[in-house]
Amino acid sequence: MTGQRLVVDGLVRPKATPSLGGLNRKARARMLSGAIAPHPRRMKVLKGANVVLVDDVMTSGATTNACIIALRKAGAAQVRIACFARVMDEALDTLRSPQEIES
């Protein structure tokens, strides 16, 4: 509708990761380190692009951050996030121990 290009395969997951459920923010980020990369065949499209990254539910933001890092490596000029739901930190705190919350 906007005339902009839709790229549904701009990112790939070269490293399999286990379920991130129950992990705190730092553990999620560690698990996702190097797990998401720009698709080699989409580098030309991503370079200099203004990207809208669409996510269904943002929990800790670790996956979103890994995607942003990959898109920046591909040379995206700007990355904006559109998510349909966001898990509040207070809800995440119910899954964490008191020691994890303090760190």
N, C-alpha and C. Protein backbone atom coordinates (compact mmCIF):
# COMPACT_ATOMS: atom_id res chain seq x y z
N MET A 1 0.81 -1.20 0.00
CA MET A 1 0.00 0.00 0.00
C MET A 1 0.85 1.26 0.00
N THR A 2 2.02 1.20 0.63
CA THR A 2 2.88 2.38 0.71
C THR A 2 3.84 2.47 -0.46
N GLY A 3 3.93 1.39 -1.22
CA GLY A 3 4.88 1.37 -2.32
C GLY A 3 6.27 0.97 -1.89
N GLN A 4 6.44 0.66 -0.62
CA GLN A 4 7.74 0.24 -0.12
C GLN A 4 7.90 -1.26 -0.31
N ARG A 5 9.13 -1.68 -0.36
CA ARG A 5 9.44 -3.09 -0.58
C ARG A 5 9.28 -3.88 0.71
N LEU A 6 8.64 -5.05 0.63
CA LEU A 6 8.49 -5.96 1.75
C LEU A 6 9.56 -7.04 1.62
N VAL A 7 10.38 -7.17 2.64
CA VAL A 7 11.45 -8.17 2.63
C VAL A 7 11.24 -9.07 3.84
N VAL A 8 10.62 -10.21 3.62
CA VAL A 8 10.31 -11.10 4.74
C VAL A 8 11.47 -12.03 5.09
N ASP A 9 12.48 -12.08 4.23
CA ASP A 9 13.62 -12.97 4.49
C ASP A 9 14.93 -12.18 4.57
N GLY A 10 14.86 -10.99 5.14
CA GLY A 10 16.05 -10.16 5.26
C GLY A 10 17.02 -10.63 6.32
N LEU A 11 16.53 -11.44 7.24
CA LEU A 11 17.37 -11.97 8.32
C LEU A 11 17.30 -13.49 8.32
N VAL A 12 18.38 -14.12 8.72
CA VAL A 12 18.43 -15.58 8.86
C VAL A 12 18.94 -15.92 10.26
N ARG A 13 18.71 -17.15 10.68
CA ARG A 13 19.16 -17.62 11.98
C ARG A 13 20.18 -18.75 11.73
N PRO A 14 21.47 -18.39 11.55
CA PRO A 14 22.48 -19.41 11.25
C PRO A 14 22.84 -20.28 12.46
N LYS A 15 22.47 -19.84 13.64
CA LYS A 15 22.79 -20.58 14.87
C LYS A 15 21.47 -20.91 15.58
N ALA A 16 21.20 -22.19 15.73
CA ALA A 16 19.99 -22.61 16.43
C ALA A 16 20.10 -22.24 17.91
N THR A 17 18.99 -21.85 18.48
CA THR A 17 18.96 -21.51 19.90
C THR A 17 17.82 -22.29 20.57
N PRO A 18 18.01 -22.63 21.83
CA PRO A 18 16.92 -23.29 22.55
C PRO A 18 15.84 -22.26 22.89
N SER A 19 14.75 -22.73 23.42
CA SER A 19 13.69 -21.83 23.86
C SER A 19 14.25 -20.85 24.88
N LEU A 20 13.83 -19.59 24.77
CA LEU A 20 14.33 -18.55 25.68
C LEU A 20 13.41 -18.37 26.89
N GLY A 21 12.33 -19.11 26.93
CA GLY A 21 11.38 -18.99 28.04
C GLY A 21 12.04 -19.26 29.38
N GLY A 22 11.75 -18.41 30.34
CA GLY A 22 12.28 -18.56 31.70
C GLY A 22 13.66 -17.98 31.91
N LEU A 23 14.32 -17.52 30.83
CA LEU A 23 15.66 -16.94 30.96
C LEU A 23 15.55 -15.45 31.25
N ASN A 24 16.51 -14.94 32.01
CA ASN A 24 16.52 -13.50 32.27
C ASN A 24 17.10 -12.77 31.06
N ARG A 25 17.09 -11.44 31.14
CA ARG A 25 17.51 -10.59 30.02
C ARG A 25 18.94 -10.89 29.56
N LYS A 26 19.87 -11.02 30.49
CA LYS A 26 21.27 -11.27 30.14
C LYS A 26 21.44 -12.64 29.49
N ALA A 27 20.77 -13.65 30.03
CA ALA A 27 20.87 -15.00 29.47
C ALA A 27 20.29 -15.05 28.06
N ARG A 28 19.18 -14.35 27.84
CA ARG A 28 18.58 -14.31 26.50
C ARG A 28 19.56 -13.66 25.52
N ALA A 29 20.18 -12.57 25.91
CA ALA A 29 21.13 -11.88 25.03
C ALA A 29 22.32 -12.79 24.71
N ARG A 30 22.81 -13.52 25.70
CA ARG A 30 23.92 -14.45 25.47
C ARG A 30 23.53 -15.53 24.47
N MET A 31 22.35 -16.09 24.65
CA MET A 31 21.88 -17.16 23.76
C MET A 31 21.76 -16.68 22.32
N LEU A 32 21.38 -15.42 22.14
CA LEU A 32 21.14 -14.89 20.80
C LEU A 32 22.38 -14.30 20.14
N SER A 33 23.48 -14.21 20.88
CA SER A 33 24.70 -13.65 20.32
C SER A 33 25.13 -14.47 19.09
N GLY A 34 25.16 -13.83 17.94
CA GLY A 34 25.55 -14.49 16.70
C GLY A 34 24.49 -15.38 16.09
N ALA A 35 23.29 -15.40 16.68
CA ALA A 35 22.25 -16.31 16.19
C ALA A 35 21.43 -15.72 15.05
N ILE A 36 21.48 -14.42 14.86
CA ILE A 36 20.71 -13.77 13.80
C ILE A 36 21.66 -12.95 12.94
N ALA A 37 21.51 -13.09 11.63
CA ALA A 37 22.41 -12.41 10.69
C ALA A 37 21.61 -11.93 9.49
N PRO A 38 22.15 -10.94 8.77
CA PRO A 38 21.48 -10.52 7.54
C PRO A 38 21.58 -11.64 6.50
N HIS A 39 20.51 -11.80 5.73
CA HIS A 39 20.51 -12.80 4.66
C HIS A 39 21.50 -12.33 3.60
N PRO A 40 22.47 -13.16 3.23
CA PRO A 40 23.48 -12.74 2.25
C PRO A 40 22.90 -12.23 0.94
N ARG A 41 21.78 -12.80 0.50
CA ARG A 41 21.18 -12.37 -0.77
C ARG A 41 20.34 -11.11 -0.64
N ARG A 42 20.20 -10.59 0.58
CA ARG A 42 19.40 -9.37 0.78
C ARG A 42 20.25 -8.18 1.20
N MET A 43 21.56 -8.33 1.19
CA MET A 43 22.46 -7.25 1.63
C MET A 43 22.26 -5.97 0.83
N LYS A 44 22.10 -6.09 -0.49
CA LYS A 44 21.93 -4.89 -1.32
C LYS A 44 20.64 -4.15 -0.97
N VAL A 45 19.59 -4.90 -0.68
CA VAL A 45 18.30 -4.29 -0.33
C VAL A 45 18.38 -3.60 1.03
N LEU A 46 19.11 -4.21 1.97
CA LEU A 46 19.18 -3.68 3.33
C LEU A 46 20.11 -2.47 3.46
N LYS A 47 21.16 -2.45 2.63
CA LYS A 47 22.12 -1.35 2.72
C LYS A 47 21.45 -0.01 2.43
N GLY A 48 21.51 0.89 3.41
CA GLY A 48 20.94 2.22 3.28
C GLY A 48 19.44 2.28 3.47
N ALA A 49 18.81 1.15 3.75
CA ALA A 49 17.34 1.10 3.86
C ALA A 49 16.85 1.63 5.21
N ASN A 50 15.66 2.17 5.19
CA ASN A 50 14.92 2.50 6.41
C ASN A 50 14.01 1.30 6.65
N VAL A 51 14.30 0.57 7.72
CA VAL A 51 13.65 -0.72 7.97
C VAL A 51 12.62 -0.58 9.09
N VAL A 52 11.48 -1.21 8.88
CA VAL A 52 10.49 -1.39 9.95
C VAL A 52 10.52 -2.88 10.26
N LEU A 53 10.98 -3.22 11.44
CA LEU A 53 11.06 -4.60 11.89
C LEU A 53 9.78 -4.92 12.65
N VAL A 54 9.04 -5.91 12.18
CA VAL A 54 7.75 -6.25 12.78
C VAL A 54 7.91 -7.49 13.64
N ASP A 55 7.44 -7.40 14.88
CA ASP A 55 7.52 -8.50 15.83
C ASP A 55 6.14 -8.70 16.45
N ASP A 56 5.79 -9.93 16.74
CA ASP A 56 4.47 -10.16 17.34
C ASP A 56 4.47 -9.79 18.82
N VAL A 57 5.40 -10.34 19.59
CA VAL A 57 5.46 -10.06 21.03
C VAL A 57 6.91 -9.79 21.41
N MET A 58 7.17 -8.67 22.04
CA MET A 58 8.50 -8.37 22.54
C MET A 58 8.53 -8.69 24.03
N THR A 59 9.40 -9.62 24.40
CA THR A 59 9.49 -10.02 25.80
C THR A 59 10.58 -9.21 26.48
N SER A 60 11.83 -9.65 26.38
CA SER A 60 12.92 -8.91 27.01
C SER A 60 13.55 -7.92 26.04
N GLY A 61 13.29 -8.10 24.76
CA GLY A 61 13.92 -7.26 23.74
C GLY A 61 15.20 -7.87 23.19
N ALA A 62 15.61 -9.02 23.69
CA ALA A 62 16.87 -9.64 23.25
C ALA A 62 16.84 -10.01 21.77
N THR A 63 15.75 -10.61 21.32
CA THR A 63 15.65 -10.98 19.90
C THR A 63 15.60 -9.73 19.03
N THR A 64 14.84 -8.75 19.47
CA THR A 64 14.77 -7.49 18.73
C THR A 64 16.15 -6.85 18.63
N ASN A 65 16.88 -6.81 19.74
CA ASN A 65 18.23 -6.22 19.73
C ASN A 65 19.16 -7.00 18.80
N ALA A 66 19.08 -8.33 18.80
CA ALA A 66 19.91 -9.13 17.90
C ALA A 66 19.57 -8.83 16.45
N CYS A 67 18.30 -8.61 16.15
CA CYS A 67 17.88 -8.25 14.79
C CYS A 67 18.40 -6.87 14.41
N ILE A 68 18.33 -5.93 15.32
CA ILE A 68 18.82 -4.58 15.05
C ILE A 68 20.32 -4.62 14.76
N ILE A 69 21.06 -5.37 15.55
CA ILE A 69 22.52 -5.49 15.33
C ILE A 69 22.78 -6.06 13.94
N ALA A 70 22.06 -7.10 13.56
CA ALA A 70 22.25 -7.72 12.24
C ALA A 70 21.90 -6.74 11.12
N LEU A 71 20.80 -6.00 11.28
CA LEU A 71 20.41 -5.03 10.25
C LEU A 71 21.42 -3.90 10.13
N ARG A 72 21.98 -3.47 11.24
CA ARG A 72 23.02 -2.43 11.19
C ARG A 72 24.28 -2.94 10.51
N LYS A 73 24.62 -4.22 10.77
CA LYS A 73 25.78 -4.82 10.08
C LYS A 73 25.55 -4.85 8.58
N ALA A 74 24.29 -5.00 8.18
CA ALA A 74 23.96 -5.01 6.75
C ALA A 74 23.95 -3.60 6.17
N GLY A 75 24.06 -2.59 7.03
CA GLY A 75 24.12 -1.22 6.55
C GLY A 75 22.79 -0.49 6.53
N ALA A 76 21.79 -1.02 7.23
CA ALA A 76 20.50 -0.32 7.28
C ALA A 76 20.70 1.07 7.85
N ALA A 77 20.07 2.05 7.23
CA ALA A 77 20.22 3.44 7.68
C ALA A 77 19.45 3.69 8.97
N GLN A 78 18.30 3.08 9.08
CA GLN A 78 17.44 3.30 10.24
C GLN A 78 16.62 2.04 10.48
N VAL A 79 16.43 1.70 11.76
CA VAL A 79 15.60 0.54 12.10
C VAL A 79 14.56 1.01 13.12
N ARG A 80 13.31 0.79 12.79
CA ARG A 80 12.20 1.08 13.71
C ARG A 80 11.51 -0.24 14.02
N ILE A 81 10.99 -0.33 15.22
CA ILE A 81 10.35 -1.56 15.67
C ILE A 81 8.84 -1.35 15.76
N ALA A 82 8.11 -2.30 15.24
CA ALA A 82 6.64 -2.33 15.40
C ALA A 82 6.31 -3.68 16.02
N CYS A 83 5.79 -3.65 17.25
CA CYS A 83 5.40 -4.92 17.87
C CYS A 83 3.95 -4.81 18.33
N PHE A 84 3.29 -5.94 18.33
CA PHE A 84 1.87 -5.96 18.65
C PHE A 84 1.61 -6.06 20.14
N ALA A 85 2.57 -6.61 20.88
CA ALA A 85 2.43 -6.72 22.33
C ALA A 85 3.81 -6.64 22.96
N ARG A 86 3.85 -6.09 24.15
CA ARG A 86 5.11 -5.95 24.89
C ARG A 86 4.90 -6.51 26.29
N VAL A 87 5.75 -7.46 26.69
CA VAL A 87 5.68 -8.01 28.04
C VAL A 87 6.35 -7.00 28.98
N MET A 88 5.63 -6.58 29.98
CA MET A 88 6.15 -5.59 30.93
C MET A 88 7.20 -6.22 31.84
N ASP A 89 8.19 -5.43 32.24
CA ASP A 89 9.25 -5.91 33.11
C ASP A 89 8.69 -6.52 34.39
N GLU A 90 7.59 -5.97 34.89
CA GLU A 90 7.00 -6.50 36.12
C GLU A 90 6.56 -7.95 35.93
N ALA A 91 6.07 -8.27 34.75
CA ALA A 91 5.66 -9.64 34.46
C ALA A 91 6.87 -10.55 34.37
N LEU A 92 7.94 -10.05 33.78
CA LEU A 92 9.17 -10.83 33.70
C LEU A 92 9.74 -11.09 35.08
N ASP A 93 9.59 -10.12 35.98
CA ASP A 93 10.13 -10.26 37.33
C ASP A 93 9.54 -11.46 38.06
N THR A 94 8.34 -11.86 37.72
CA THR A 94 7.73 -13.01 38.38
C THR A 94 8.46 -14.30 38.01
N LEU A 95 9.21 -14.28 36.91
CA LEU A 95 9.96 -15.46 36.48
C LEU A 95 11.38 -15.47 37.02
N ARG A 96 11.82 -14.38 37.61
CA ARG A 96 13.21 -14.23 38.04
C ARG A 96 13.34 -14.38 39.54
N SER A 97 14.56 -14.75 39.91
CA SER A 97 14.87 -14.78 41.35
C SER A 97 15.21 -13.36 41.78
N PRO A 98 15.16 -13.05 43.09
CA PRO A 98 15.52 -11.71 43.57
C PRO A 98 16.93 -11.30 43.17
N GLN A 99 17.86 -12.25 43.09
CA GLN A 99 19.25 -11.92 42.70
C GLN A 99 19.31 -11.46 41.25
N GLU A 100 18.53 -12.07 40.37
CA GLU A 100 18.53 -11.68 38.96
C GLU A 100 17.91 -10.29 38.79
N ILE A 101 16.91 -9.97 39.56
CA ILE A 101 16.25 -8.67 39.44
C ILE A 101 17.20 -7.55 39.83
N GLU A 102 18.03 -7.79 40.84
CA GLU A 102 18.97 -6.76 41.30
C GLU A 102 20.09 -6.53 40.31
N SER A 103 20.46 -7.53 39.50
CA SER A 103 21.58 -7.36 38.58
C SER A 103 21.21 -6.66 37.32
